[in-house]
Amino acid sequence: MRQQTTNWAGNGANEHQFLRRAPRPEDLPPDTLQRLAGALKKQWNRYCKQLQRCQRRFSEKAVHDSRVETRRLLAMLDLLRPFVPARCFRQARAALKRHLDTFSELRDTQVQLLTMERMSVAATAARPFVEYLRGRERRFTRKTRKNIKRIRTKRFSRLVASCRKEIKHWSREYPAETVNAKLLGAADKAFARTVQLQRQIVPARTQSIHCTRVAFKKFRYMLETLADGLPSVGEELLAAMHDYQTTMGGIQDATVLLQSIEEFIRKRQPGPRVANALRRGVLRRRERLVRAYLEASGQLLKFWPAPGRGRSRSTNQANPPQMDTNKRRLGKVNVNSAGIAL
């Protein structure tokens, strides 16, 4: 899908109302669930293909692509959860989570190296830390390459086949309006969870923003899965959702980077000048990113009907009022002696 940049200016002049009314069960084609059974098989094949590619020729791109297909398969299973046996869902979800965990240390380190390249931290301060990260990347690459080769899909394949069998049963035995309502209900639930977490955001606690991002990513992938059957979910909306998610992703990257800096300082003891320069650079970057997200956060309610308001939608949805409070509370992000936000 072609990506486009969305202007998230908070002044209202460039805001877009993507969904003029809420999607309804009759908006989805009658055979949507049957199509999703086929889409699940295709997504499973893409997952296996990227996993095998990663096992054969391990590279940064292969790791990234495998993680993306894993998350998409997870989101599809979440969307289809009302139609699959609970045991199959739990086991499949646990297997995919273990797969993602296999990559986590290596991927975090690779993102941190990219972030350091973009930052304007003094070269003398950054150089030893970058070398430290490169050493970690080499170590985690060896570890991850070994672990990824141990992943087997035979048992998992049977779980996916069992899920598809049950989904096909639902598509044959139940009215299209019933199953489509369940599909939209799954998206409603994922979006409601995102909004709930957004309303609980405390800017100085960046973990609260990260939790919102994880929930939003799940919802976004669900909507991408349903996009072919929903005329209101177009390329512009999906691109805007991607951009919105990205505003949160940099905050978590900066937080994880701070944790790595503290580990580097503890192990290598580079001296106060280098330590303070690294901390200040990342903290300033994170504070800018938090402010940028708070400016854009109200756009969330433009992607889907707000929970608690039925399936109707106003064409002039206002930004959530609680985010104004968050902006006032942001001030300067407080950190503890380790440089981590309180």
C-alpha atoms as a PDB file:
ATOM      1  CA  MET A   1       0.000   0.000   0.000  1.00  0.00           C
ATOM      2  CA  ARG A   2       1.278   3.422  -0.939  1.00  0.00           C
ATOM      3  CA  GLN A   3       1.977   5.563   2.108  1.00  0.00           C
ATOM      4  CA  GLN A   4       1.220   9.266   2.189  1.00  0.00           C
ATOM      5  CA  THR A   5       2.065  11.890   4.749  1.00  0.00           C
ATOM      6  CA  THR A   6      -0.817  13.291   6.761  1.00  0.00           C
ATOM      7  CA  ASN A   7      -0.695  16.752   8.303  1.00  0.00           C
ATOM      8  CA  TRP A   8      -1.579  16.348  11.955  1.00  0.00           C
ATOM      9  CA  ALA A   9      -1.748  20.069  12.678  1.00  0.00           C
ATOM     10  CA  GLY A  10      -3.933  20.650  15.685  1.00  0.00           C
ATOM     11  CA  ASN A  11      -5.429  23.952  14.558  1.00  0.00           C
ATOM     12  CA  GLY A  12      -8.389  22.309  12.839  1.00  0.00           C
ATOM     13  CA  ALA A  13      -7.655  23.733   9.382  1.00  0.00           C
ATOM     14  CA  ASN A  14      -6.160  20.498   8.052  1.00  0.00           C
ATOM     15  CA  GLU A  15      -8.270  17.974   9.933  1.00  0.00           C
ATOM     16  CA  HIS A  16     -10.200  15.373   7.964  1.00  0.00           C
ATOM     17  CA  GLN A  17     -13.372  13.524   8.860  1.00  0.00           C
ATOM     18  CA  PHE A  18     -12.638  10.138   7.349  1.00  0.00           C
ATOM     19  CA  LEU A  19     -15.805   8.312   8.450  1.00  0.00           C
ATOM     20  CA  ARG A  20     -18.970  10.341   7.912  1.00  0.00           C
ATOM     21  CA  ARG A  21     -21.072   7.585   9.458  1.00  0.00           C
ATOM     22  CA  ALA A  22     -20.336   4.389  11.322  1.00  0.00           C
ATOM     23  CA  PRO A  23     -19.948   1.193   9.298  1.00  0.00           C
ATOM     24  CA  ARG A  24     -22.948  -1.124   9.600  1.00  0.00           C
ATOM     25  CA  PRO A  25     -23.196  -4.921   9.160  1.00  0.00           C
ATOM     26  CA  GLU A  26     -24.971  -4.490   5.830  1.00  0.00           C
ATOM     27  CA  ASP A  27     -22.004  -2.450   4.546  1.00  0.00           C
ATOM     28  CA  LEU A  28     -19.871  -5.584   4.526  1.00  0.00           C
ATOM     29  CA  PRO A  29     -20.437  -8.079   1.680  1.00  0.00           C
ATOM     30  CA  PRO A  30     -22.519 -11.122   2.698  1.00  0.00           C
ATOM     31  CA  ASP A  31     -19.574 -13.445   2.109  1.00  0.00           C
ATOM     32  CA  THR A  32     -17.104 -11.414   4.224  1.00  0.00           C
ATOM     33  CA  LEU A  33     -16.485 -14.184   6.752  1.00  0.00           C
ATOM     34  CA  GLN A  34     -15.924 -16.744   4.008  1.00  0.00           C
ATOM     35  CA  ARG A  35     -13.424 -14.375   2.392  1.00  0.00           C
ATOM     36  CA  LEU A  36     -11.676 -13.910   5.734  1.00  0.00           C
ATOM     37  CA  ALA A  37     -11.269 -17.682   6.044  1.00  0.00           C
ATOM     38  CA  GLY A  38      -9.343 -17.528   2.775  1.00  0.00           C
ATOM     39  CA  ALA A  39      -7.482 -14.413   3.923  1.00  0.00           C
ATOM     40  CA  LEU A  40      -6.418 -16.244   7.091  1.00  0.00           C
ATOM     41  CA  LYS A  41      -4.891 -18.988   4.958  1.00  0.00           C
ATOM     42  CA  LYS A  42      -3.069 -16.391   2.822  1.00  0.00           C
ATOM     43  CA  GLN A  43      -1.798 -14.568   5.899  1.00  0.00           C
ATOM     44  CA  TRP A  44      -0.628 -17.855   7.381  1.00  0.00           C
ATOM     45  CA  ASN A  45       1.291 -18.564   4.162  1.00  0.00           C
ATOM     46  CA  ARG A  46       2.865 -15.077   4.267  1.00  0.00           C
ATOM     47  CA  TYR A  47       3.838 -15.631   7.888  1.00  0.00           C
ATOM     48  CA  CYS A  48       5.481 -18.973   7.033  1.00  0.00           C
ATOM     49  CA  LYS A  49       7.223 -17.516   3.994  1.00  0.00           C
ATOM     50  CA  GLN A  50       8.789 -14.664   5.980  1.00  0.00           C
ATOM     51  CA  LEU A  51       9.738 -16.993   8.830  1.00  0.00           C
ATOM     52  CA  GLN A  52      11.462 -19.378   6.428  1.00  0.00           C
ATOM     53  CA  ARG A  53      13.215 -16.467   4.718  1.00  0.00           C
ATOM     54  CA  CYS A  54      14.461 -15.302   8.102  1.00  0.00           C
ATOM     55  CA  GLN A  55      15.674 -18.802   8.945  1.00  0.00           C
ATOM     56  CA  ARG A  56      17.520 -19.147   5.613  1.00  0.00           C
ATOM     57  CA  ARG A  57      18.995 -15.659   5.138  1.00  0.00           C
ATOM     58  CA  PHE A  58      18.988 -13.764   8.394  1.00  0.00           C
ATOM     59  CA  SER A  59      19.031  -9.972   7.907  1.00  0.00           C
ATOM     60  CA  GLU A  60      17.603  -6.802   9.416  1.00  0.00           C
ATOM     61  CA  LYS A  61      14.968  -6.588   6.662  1.00  0.00           C
ATOM     62  CA  ALA A  62      14.037 -10.249   7.097  1.00  0.00           C
ATOM     63  CA  VAL A  63      13.577  -9.682  10.838  1.00  0.00           C
ATOM     64  CA  HIS A  64      11.393  -6.633  10.215  1.00  0.00           C
ATOM     65  CA  ASP A  65       9.234  -8.370   7.597  1.00  0.00           C
ATOM     66  CA  SER A  66       8.776 -11.436   9.775  1.00  0.00           C
ATOM     67  CA  ARG A  67       7.678  -9.285  12.717  1.00  0.00           C
ATOM     68  CA  VAL A  68       5.171  -7.416  10.544  1.00  0.00           C
ATOM     69  CA  GLU A  69       3.585 -10.618   9.206  1.00  0.00           C
ATOM     70  CA  THR A  70       3.458 -12.039  12.733  1.00  0.00           C
ATOM     71  CA  ARG A  71       1.605  -8.979  14.018  1.00  0.00           C
ATOM     72  CA  ARG A  72      -0.790  -9.041  11.070  1.00  0.00           C
ATOM     73  CA  LEU A  73      -1.587 -12.692  11.744  1.00  0.00           C
ATOM     74  CA  LEU A  74      -2.158 -11.864  15.409  1.00  0.00           C
ATOM     75  CA  ALA A  75      -4.550  -9.042  14.499  1.00  0.00           C
ATOM     76  CA  MET A  76      -6.460 -11.286  12.087  1.00  0.00           C
ATOM     77  CA  LEU A  77      -6.891 -13.896  14.793  1.00  0.00           C
ATOM     78  CA  ASP A  78      -8.123 -11.187  17.168  1.00  0.00           C
ATOM     79  CA  LEU A  79     -10.661 -10.067  14.561  1.00  0.00           C
ATOM     80  CA  LEU A  80     -11.850 -13.652  14.061  1.00  0.00           C
ATOM     81  CA  ARG A  81     -11.834 -14.510  17.765  1.00  0.00           C
ATOM     82  CA  PRO A  82     -15.666 -14.655  18.058  1.00  0.00           C
ATOM     83  CA  PHE A  83     -15.704 -17.526  15.547  1.00  0.00           C
ATOM     84  CA  VAL A  84     -12.839 -19.766  16.685  1.00  0.00           C
ATOM     85  CA  PRO A  85     -12.525 -22.159  19.647  1.00  0.00           C
ATOM     86  CA  ALA A  86     -11.076 -20.451  22.713  1.00  0.00           C
ATOM     87  CA  ARG A  87      -8.387 -23.110  23.135  1.00  0.00           C
ATOM     88  CA  CYS A  88      -7.161 -22.752  19.550  1.00  0.00           C
ATOM     89  CA  PHE A  89      -7.096 -18.975  19.879  1.00  0.00           C
ATOM     90  CA  ARG A  90      -5.098 -19.037  23.130  1.00  0.00           C
ATOM     91  CA  GLN A  91      -2.539 -21.503  21.798  1.00  0.00           C
ATOM     92  CA  ALA A  92      -2.094 -19.714  18.484  1.00  0.00           C
ATOM     93  CA  ARG A  93      -1.759 -16.339  20.185  1.00  0.00           C
ATOM     94  CA  ALA A  94       0.814 -17.703  22.654  1.00  0.00           C
ATOM     95  CA  ALA A  95       2.887 -19.167  19.796  1.00  0.00           C
ATOM     96  CA  LEU A  96       2.906 -15.852  17.923  1.00  0.00           C
ATOM     97  CA  LYS A  97       3.840 -13.938  21.064  1.00  0.00           C
ATOM     98  CA  ARG A  98       6.801 -16.260  21.597  1.00  0.00           C
ATOM     99  CA  HIS A  99       7.874 -15.615  18.012  1.00  0.00           C
ATOM    100  CA  LEU A 100       7.799 -11.852  18.577  1.00  0.00           C
ATOM    101  CA  ASP A 101       9.731 -12.217  21.821  1.00  0.00           C
ATOM    102  CA  THR A 102      12.483 -14.036  19.923  1.00  0.00           C
ATOM    103  CA  PHE A 103      13.191 -10.838  17.983  1.00  0.00           C
ATOM    104  CA  SER A 104      12.630  -8.221  20.693  1.00  0.00           C
ATOM    105  CA  GLU A 105      16.196  -7.670  21.965  1.00  0.00           C
ATOM    106  CA  LEU A 106      17.737  -7.546  18.502  1.00  0.00           C
ATOM    107  CA  ARG A 107      15.045  -5.302  17.029  1.00  0.00           C
ATOM    108  CA  ASP A 108      15.247  -2.866  19.956  1.00  0.00           C
ATOM    109  CA  THR A 109      19.007  -2.565  19.474  1.00  0.00           C
ATOM    110  CA  GLN A 110      18.680  -1.996  15.727  1.00  0.00           C
ATOM    111  CA  VAL A 111      16.090   0.753  16.293  1.00  0.00           C
ATOM    112  CA  GLN A 112      18.365   2.377  18.895  1.00  0.00           C
ATOM    113  CA  LEU A 113      21.255   2.463  16.425  1.00  0.00           C
ATOM    114  CA  LEU A 114      19.005   4.155  13.852  1.00  0.00           C
ATOM    115  CA  THR A 115      17.829   6.666  16.452  1.00  0.00           C
ATOM    116  CA  MET A 116      21.389   7.548  17.464  1.00  0.00           C
ATOM    117  CA  GLU A 117      22.222   8.220  13.808  1.00  0.00           C
ATOM    118  CA  ARG A 118      19.362  10.750  13.619  1.00  0.00           C
ATOM    119  CA  MET A 119      20.213  12.552  16.850  1.00  0.00           C
ATOM    120  CA  SER A 120      22.541  15.498  17.272  1.00  0.00           C
ATOM    121  CA  VAL A 121      24.272  14.219  20.414  1.00  0.00           C
ATOM    122  CA  ALA A 122      27.905  15.343  20.478  1.00  0.00           C
ATOM    123  CA  ALA A 123      30.043  12.865  18.535  1.00  0.00           C
ATOM    124  CA  THR A 124      32.510  12.396  21.380  1.00  0.00           C
ATOM    125  CA  ALA A 125      29.691  11.431  23.724  1.00  0.00           C
ATOM    126  CA  ALA A 126      27.833   9.232  21.251  1.00  0.00           C
ATOM    127  CA  ARG A 127      30.755   7.273  19.791  1.00  0.00           C
ATOM    128  CA  PRO A 128      31.438   4.885  22.701  1.00  0.00           C
ATOM    129  CA  PHE A 129      27.723   4.259  23.193  1.00  0.00           C
ATOM    130  CA  VAL A 130      27.201   3.513  19.493  1.00  0.00           C
ATOM    131  CA  GLU A 131      30.089   1.030  19.633  1.00  0.00           C
ATOM    132  CA  TYR A 132      28.449  -0.525  22.691  1.00  0.00           C
ATOM    133  CA  LEU A 133      25.167  -0.894  20.759  1.00  0.00           C
ATOM    134  CA  ARG A 134      26.969  -2.452  17.795  1.00  0.00           C
ATOM    135  CA  GLY A 135      28.487  -5.024  20.112  1.00  0.00           C
ATOM    136  CA  ARG A 136      25.017  -5.798  21.475  1.00  0.00           C
ATOM    137  CA  GLU A 137      23.656  -6.074  17.944  1.00  0.00           C
ATOM    138  CA  ARG A 138      26.309  -8.652  17.016  1.00  0.00           C
ATOM    139  CA  ARG A 139      25.615 -10.632  20.181  1.00  0.00           C
ATOM    140  CA  PHE A 140      21.820 -10.543  19.766  1.00  0.00           C
ATOM    141  CA  THR A 141      22.127 -11.396  16.070  1.00  0.00           C
ATOM    142  CA  ARG A 142      23.930 -14.631  16.911  1.00  0.00           C
ATOM    143  CA  LYS A 143      21.409 -15.443  19.629  1.00  0.00           C
ATOM    144  CA  THR A 144      18.333 -14.621  17.533  1.00  0.00           C
ATOM    145  CA  ARG A 145      19.587 -16.476  14.452  1.00  0.00           C
ATOM    146  CA  LYS A 146      20.017 -19.575  16.590  1.00  0.00           C
ATOM    147  CA  ASN A 147      16.604 -19.222  18.269  1.00  0.00           C
ATOM    148  CA  ILE A 148      14.667 -18.470  15.086  1.00  0.00           C
ATOM    149  CA  LYS A 149      15.845 -21.720  13.516  1.00  0.00           C
ATOM    150  CA  ARG A 150      14.187 -23.588  16.366  1.00  0.00           C
ATOM    151  CA  ILE A 151      10.707 -22.283  15.541  1.00  0.00           C
ATOM    152  CA  ARG A 152       8.511 -25.006  14.042  1.00  0.00           C
ATOM    153  CA  THR A 153       5.120 -24.466  12.436  1.00  0.00           C
ATOM    154  CA  LYS A 154       3.659 -27.962  12.051  1.00  0.00           C
ATOM    155  CA  ARG A 155       1.574 -27.886  15.240  1.00  0.00           C
ATOM    156  CA  PHE A 156       0.674 -24.260  14.649  1.00  0.00           C
ATOM    157  CA  SER A 157      -0.509 -25.144  11.143  1.00  0.00           C
ATOM    158  CA  ARG A 158      -3.033 -27.577  12.623  1.00  0.00           C
ATOM    159  CA  LEU A 159      -4.340 -24.835  14.907  1.00  0.00           C
ATOM    160  CA  VAL A 160      -4.856 -22.479  11.962  1.00  0.00           C
ATOM    161  CA  ALA A 161      -6.618 -25.241  10.000  1.00  0.00           C
ATOM    162  CA  SER A 162      -8.928 -25.849  12.957  1.00  0.00           C
ATOM    163  CA  CYS A 163      -9.712 -22.131  13.159  1.00  0.00           C
ATOM    164  CA  ARG A 164     -10.504 -21.969   9.431  1.00  0.00           C
ATOM    165  CA  LYS A 165     -12.795 -24.988   9.703  1.00  0.00           C
ATOM    166  CA  GLU A 166     -14.805 -23.311  12.464  1.00  0.00           C
ATOM    167  CA  ILE A 167     -14.932 -20.012  10.573  1.00  0.00           C
ATOM    168  CA  LYS A 168     -16.325 -21.763   7.482  1.00  0.00           C
ATOM    169  CA  HIS A 169     -18.972 -23.409   9.680  1.00  0.00           C
ATOM    170  CA  TRP A 170     -20.070 -19.975  10.914  1.00  0.00           C
ATOM    171  CA  SER A 171     -20.215 -18.601   7.367  1.00  0.00           C
ATOM    172  CA  ARG A 172     -22.462 -21.490   6.270  1.00  0.00           C
ATOM    173  CA  GLU A 173     -24.756 -21.761   9.273  1.00  0.00           C
ATOM    174  CA  TYR A 174     -25.335 -18.181  10.421  1.00  0.00           C
ATOM    175  CA  PRO A 175     -26.890 -15.160   8.684  1.00  0.00           C
ATOM    176  CA  ALA A 176     -24.473 -12.717   7.084  1.00  0.00           C
ATOM    177  CA  GLU A 177     -25.802  -9.836   9.172  1.00  0.00           C
ATOM    178  CA  THR A 178     -25.050 -11.771  12.393  1.00  0.00           C
ATOM    179  CA  VAL A 179     -21.459 -12.607  11.505  1.00  0.00           C
ATOM    180  CA  ASN A 180     -20.783  -9.143  10.060  1.00  0.00           C
ATOM    181  CA  ALA A 181     -22.080  -7.578  13.259  1.00  0.00           C
ATOM    182  CA  LYS A 182     -19.626  -9.726  15.200  1.00  0.00           C
ATOM    183  CA  LEU A 183     -16.764  -8.636  12.952  1.00  0.00           C
ATOM    184  CA  LEU A 184     -17.580  -4.958  13.402  1.00  0.00           C
ATOM    185  CA  GLY A 185     -18.056  -5.646  17.109  1.00  0.00           C
ATOM    186  CA  ALA A 186     -14.510  -6.981  17.323  1.00  0.00           C
ATOM    187  CA  ALA A 187     -13.236  -3.772  15.709  1.00  0.00           C
ATOM    188  CA  ASP A 188     -15.436  -1.730  18.068  1.00  0.00           C
ATOM    189  CA  LYS A 189     -13.950  -3.540  21.055  1.00  0.00           C
ATOM    190  CA  ALA A 190     -10.364  -2.996  19.878  1.00  0.00           C
ATOM    191  CA  PHE A 191     -11.039   0.695  19.285  1.00  0.00           C
ATOM    192  CA  ALA A 192     -12.813   1.103  22.636  1.00  0.00           C
ATOM    193  CA  ARG A 193      -9.769  -0.374  24.356  1.00  0.00           C
ATOM    194  CA  THR A 194      -7.529   2.102  22.528  1.00  0.00           C
ATOM    195  CA  VAL A 195      -9.688   5.064  23.552  1.00  0.00           C
ATOM    196  CA  GLN A 196      -9.808   3.830  27.158  1.00  0.00           C
ATOM    197  CA  LEU A 197      -6.023   3.643  27.307  1.00  0.00           C
ATOM    198  CA  GLN A 198      -5.640   7.024  25.610  1.00  0.00           C
ATOM    199  CA  ARG A 199      -7.875   8.631  28.238  1.00  0.00           C
ATOM    200  CA  GLN A 200      -5.591   7.204  30.937  1.00  0.00           C
ATOM    201  CA  ILE A 201      -2.415   8.670  29.412  1.00  0.00           C
ATOM    202  CA  VAL A 202      -0.155  10.541  31.804  1.00  0.00           C
ATOM    203  CA  PRO A 203       2.452  12.306  29.635  1.00  0.00           C
ATOM    204  CA  ALA A 204       5.238  11.897  32.193  1.00  0.00           C
ATOM    205  CA  ARG A 205       4.554   8.130  32.205  1.00  0.00           C
ATOM    206  CA  THR A 206       5.534   7.201  28.682  1.00  0.00           C
ATOM    207  CA  GLN A 207       4.503   3.585  29.284  1.00  0.00           C
ATOM    208  CA  SER A 208       0.886   4.790  29.169  1.00  0.00           C
ATOM    209  CA  ILE A 209       1.472   6.089  25.626  1.00  0.00           C
ATOM    210  CA  HIS A 210       3.154   2.817  24.650  1.00  0.00           C
ATOM    211  CA  CYS A 211       0.135   0.797  25.860  1.00  0.00           C
ATOM    212  CA  THR A 212      -2.138   3.021  23.765  1.00  0.00           C
ATOM    213  CA  ARG A 213       0.085   2.455  20.727  1.00  0.00           C
ATOM    214  CA  VAL A 214       0.002  -1.343  21.112  1.00  0.00           C
ATOM    215  CA  ALA A 215      -3.813  -1.294  21.303  1.00  0.00           C
ATOM    216  CA  PHE A 216      -4.060   1.101  18.360  1.00  0.00           C
ATOM    217  CA  LYS A 217      -1.756  -1.049  16.210  1.00  0.00           C
ATOM    218  CA  LYS A 218      -4.033  -4.050  16.818  1.00  0.00           C
ATOM    219  CA  PHE A 219      -7.083  -1.998  15.798  1.00  0.00           C
ATOM    220  CA  ARG A 220      -5.314  -0.616  12.721  1.00  0.00           C
ATOM    221  CA  TYR A 221      -4.412  -4.088  11.446  1.00  0.00           C
ATOM    222  CA  MET A 222      -8.009  -5.216  12.011  1.00  0.00           C
ATOM    223  CA  LEU A 223      -9.298  -2.342   9.916  1.00  0.00           C
ATOM    224  CA  GLU A 224      -6.798  -3.134   7.166  1.00  0.00           C
ATOM    225  CA  THR A 225      -8.181  -6.681   7.106  1.00  0.00           C
ATOM    226  CA  LEU A 226     -11.752  -5.377   6.691  1.00  0.00           C
ATOM    227  CA  ALA A 227     -10.823  -2.548   4.315  1.00  0.00           C
ATOM    228  CA  ASP A 228     -11.796  -4.327   1.082  1.00  0.00           C
ATOM    229  CA  GLY A 229     -15.385  -4.646   2.313  1.00  0.00           C
ATOM    230  CA  LEU A 230     -15.795  -1.172   3.796  1.00  0.00           C
ATOM    231  CA  PRO A 231     -15.956   1.699   1.295  1.00  0.00           C
ATOM    232  CA  SER A 232     -15.368   4.221   4.111  1.00  0.00           C
ATOM    233  CA  VAL A 233     -11.985   2.637   4.942  1.00  0.00           C
ATOM    234  CA  GLY A 234      -9.844   3.940   2.128  1.00  0.00           C
ATOM    235  CA  GLU A 235      -6.149   4.386   1.456  1.00  0.00           C
ATOM    236  CA  GLU A 236      -6.129   7.908   2.909  1.00  0.00           C
ATOM    237  CA  LEU A 237      -7.567   6.718   6.212  1.00  0.00           C
ATOM    238  CA  LEU A 238      -5.145   3.791   6.493  1.00  0.00           C
ATOM    239  CA  ALA A 239      -2.179   6.039   5.688  1.00  0.00           C
ATOM    240  CA  ALA A 240      -3.346   8.526   8.320  1.00  0.00           C
ATOM    241  CA  MET A 241      -3.606   5.731  10.889  1.00  0.00           C
ATOM    242  CA  HIS A 242      -0.063   4.653  10.068  1.00  0.00           C
ATOM    243  CA  ASP A 243       1.187   8.199  10.600  1.00  0.00           C
ATOM    244  CA  TYR A 244      -0.730   8.493  13.869  1.00  0.00           C
ATOM    245  CA  GLN A 245       0.832   5.268  15.131  1.00  0.00           C
ATOM    246  CA  THR A 246       4.286   6.512  14.165  1.00  0.00           C
ATOM    247  CA  THR A 247       3.903   9.567  16.414  1.00  0.00           C
ATOM    248  CA  MET A 248       3.682   7.187  19.380  1.00  0.00           C
ATOM    249  CA  GLY A 249       6.374   4.769  18.226  1.00  0.00           C
ATOM    250  CA  GLY A 250       9.220   7.254  18.524  1.00  0.00           C
ATOM    251  CA  ILE A 251       8.336   7.876  22.171  1.00  0.00           C
ATOM    252  CA  GLN A 252       8.729   4.217  23.087  1.00  0.00           C
ATOM    253  CA  ASP A 253      11.941   3.976  21.077  1.00  0.00           C
ATOM    254  CA  ALA A 254      13.372   6.897  23.057  1.00  0.00           C
ATOM    255  CA  THR A 255      12.302   5.321  26.357  1.00  0.00           C
ATOM    256  CA  VAL A 256      13.977   1.999  25.521  1.00  0.00           C
ATOM    257  CA  LEU A 257      17.036   3.930  24.336  1.00  0.00           C
ATOM    258  CA  LEU A 258      17.253   5.659  27.736  1.00  0.00           C
ATOM    259  CA  GLN A 259      17.220   2.280  29.444  1.00  0.00           C
ATOM    260  CA  SER A 260      20.096   1.115  27.244  1.00  0.00           C
ATOM    261  CA  ILE A 261      22.027   4.298  28.045  1.00  0.00           C
ATOM    262  CA  GLU A 262      21.661   3.602  31.758  1.00  0.00           C
ATOM    263  CA  GLU A 263      22.908   0.049  31.244  1.00  0.00           C
ATOM    264  CA  PHE A 264      25.858   1.389  29.234  1.00  0.00           C
ATOM    265  CA  ILE A 265      26.698   3.932  31.965  1.00  0.00           C
ATOM    266  CA  ARG A 266      26.487   1.288  34.674  1.00  0.00           C
ATOM    267  CA  LYS A 267      28.697  -1.197  32.819  1.00  0.00           C
ATOM    268  CA  ARG A 268      31.204   1.080  31.077  1.00  0.00           C
ATOM    269  CA  GLN A 269      31.274   4.093  33.444  1.00  0.00           C
ATOM    270  CA  PRO A 270      32.067   6.648  30.704  1.00  0.00           C
ATOM    271  CA  GLY A 271      32.184   9.603  33.109  1.00  0.00           C
ATOM    272  CA  PRO A 272      29.613  12.284  34.006  1.00  0.00           C
ATOM    273  CA  ARG A 273      30.162  14.483  30.938  1.00  0.00           C
ATOM    274  CA  VAL A 274      29.419  11.699  28.452  1.00  0.00           C
ATOM    275  CA  ALA A 275      26.604  10.281  30.589  1.00  0.00           C
ATOM    276  CA  ASN A 276      24.861  13.635  30.949  1.00  0.00           C
ATOM    277  CA  ALA A 277      25.217  14.456  27.247  1.00  0.00           C
ATOM    278  CA  LEU A 278      23.608  11.158  26.251  1.00  0.00           C
ATOM    279  CA  ARG A 279      20.776  11.522  28.760  1.00  0.00           C
ATOM    280  CA  ARG A 280      20.028  15.118  27.844  1.00  0.00           C
ATOM    281  CA  GLY A 281      19.947  14.404  24.113  1.00  0.00           C
ATOM    282  CA  VAL A 282      17.476  11.518  24.416  1.00  0.00           C
ATOM    283  CA  LEU A 283      15.321  13.246  27.040  1.00  0.00           C
ATOM    284  CA  ARG A 284      14.967  16.350  24.854  1.00  0.00           C
ATOM    285  CA  ARG A 285      14.024  14.193  21.885  1.00  0.00           C
ATOM    286  CA  ARG A 286      11.440  12.272  23.889  1.00  0.00           C
ATOM    287  CA  GLU A 287       9.916  15.431  25.309  1.00  0.00           C
ATOM    288  CA  ARG A 288       9.494  16.843  21.795  1.00  0.00           C
ATOM    289  CA  LEU A 289       7.863  13.618  20.628  1.00  0.00           C
ATOM    290  CA  VAL A 290       5.472  13.545  23.588  1.00  0.00           C
ATOM    291  CA  ARG A 291       4.369  17.104  22.872  1.00  0.00           C
ATOM    292  CA  ALA A 292       3.889  16.287  19.178  1.00  0.00           C
ATOM    293  CA  TYR A 293       1.735  13.283  20.073  1.00  0.00           C
ATOM    294  CA  LEU A 294      -0.428  15.270  22.475  1.00  0.00           C
ATOM    295  CA  GLU A 295      -1.063  17.788  19.716  1.00  0.00           C
ATOM    296  CA  ALA A 296      -2.220  14.975  17.409  1.00  0.00           C
ATOM    297  CA  SER A 297      -3.897  12.698  19.965  1.00  0.00           C
ATOM    298  CA  GLY A 298      -7.426  14.008  19.458  1.00  0.00           C
ATOM    299  CA  GLN A 299      -7.379  12.727  15.870  1.00  0.00           C
ATOM    300  CA  LEU A 300      -7.987   9.234  17.257  1.00  0.00           C
ATOM    301  CA  LEU A 301     -11.754   9.751  17.334  1.00  0.00           C
ATOM    302  CA  LYS A 302     -11.781  10.491  13.620  1.00  0.00           C
ATOM    303  CA  PHE A 303     -10.835   6.914  12.752  1.00  0.00           C
ATOM    304  CA  TRP A 304     -13.877   5.088  14.171  1.00  0.00           C
ATOM    305  CA  PRO A 305     -17.066   5.814  16.164  1.00  0.00           C
ATOM    306  CA  ALA A 306     -16.323   6.751  19.760  1.00  0.00           C
ATOM    307  CA  PRO A 307     -17.235   4.027  22.297  1.00  0.00           C
ATOM    308  CA  GLY A 308     -20.360   4.702  24.321  1.00  0.00           C
ATOM    309  CA  ARG A 309     -22.057   6.648  21.509  1.00  0.00           C
ATOM    310  CA  GLY A 310     -23.664   3.790  19.641  1.00  0.00           C
ATOM    311  CA  ARG A 311     -22.810   3.348  15.992  1.00  0.00           C
ATOM    312  CA  SER A 312     -23.627   6.908  15.003  1.00  0.00           C
ATOM    313  CA  ARG A 313     -21.053   9.495  14.137  1.00  0.00           C
ATOM    314  CA  SER A 314     -20.984  13.269  14.167  1.00  0.00           C
ATOM    315  CA  THR A 315     -19.359  15.036  11.244  1.00  0.00           C
ATOM    316  CA  ASN A 316     -17.813  17.527  13.656  1.00  0.00           C
ATOM    317  CA  GLN A 317     -16.211  15.365  16.360  1.00  0.00           C
ATOM    318  CA  ALA A 318     -14.276  17.447  18.867  1.00  0.00           C
ATOM    319  CA  ASN A 319     -10.949  16.478  20.359  1.00  0.00           C
ATOM    320  CA  PRO A 320     -11.264  14.599  23.675  1.00  0.00           C
ATOM    321  CA  PRO A 321     -11.253  17.186  26.472  1.00  0.00           C
ATOM    322  CA  GLN A 322      -9.035  15.123  28.758  1.00  0.00           C
ATOM    323  CA  MET A 323      -6.070  15.640  26.438  1.00  0.00           C
ATOM    324  CA  ASP A 324      -6.127  19.364  27.216  1.00  0.00           C
ATOM    325  CA  THR A 325      -5.560  18.388  30.830  1.00  0.00           C
ATOM    326  CA  ASN A 326      -2.713  16.142  29.740  1.00  0.00           C
ATOM    327  CA  LYS A 327      -1.098  19.024  27.860  1.00  0.00           C
ATOM    328  CA  ARG A 328      -1.231  21.206  30.960  1.00  0.00           C
ATOM    329  CA  ARG A 329       0.233  18.406  33.052  1.00  0.00           C
ATOM    330  CA  LEU A 330       3.120  17.712  30.689  1.00  0.00           C
ATOM    331  CA  GLY A 331       5.336  20.642  31.628  1.00  0.00           C
ATOM    332  CA  LYS A 332       8.827  19.238  31.787  1.00  0.00           C
ATOM    333  CA  VAL A 333       9.054  15.445  31.979  1.00  0.00           C
ATOM    334  CA  ASN A 334      10.352  14.466  35.410  1.00  0.00           C
ATOM    335  CA  VAL A 335      12.988  11.763  35.576  1.00  0.00           C
ATOM    336  CA  ASN A 336      14.592   9.819  38.358  1.00  0.00           C
ATOM    337  CA  SER A 337      18.310   9.526  38.997  1.00  0.00           C
ATOM    338  CA  ALA A 338      18.539   6.870  36.298  1.00  0.00           C
ATOM    339  CA  GLY A 339      17.091   9.208  33.694  1.00  0.00           C
ATOM    340  CA  ILE A 340      13.830   7.242  33.338  1.00  0.00           C
ATOM    341  CA  ALA A 341      10.498   9.092  33.343  1.00  0.00           C
ATOM    342  CA  LEU A 342       8.513   8.834  36.560  1.00  0.00           C
END
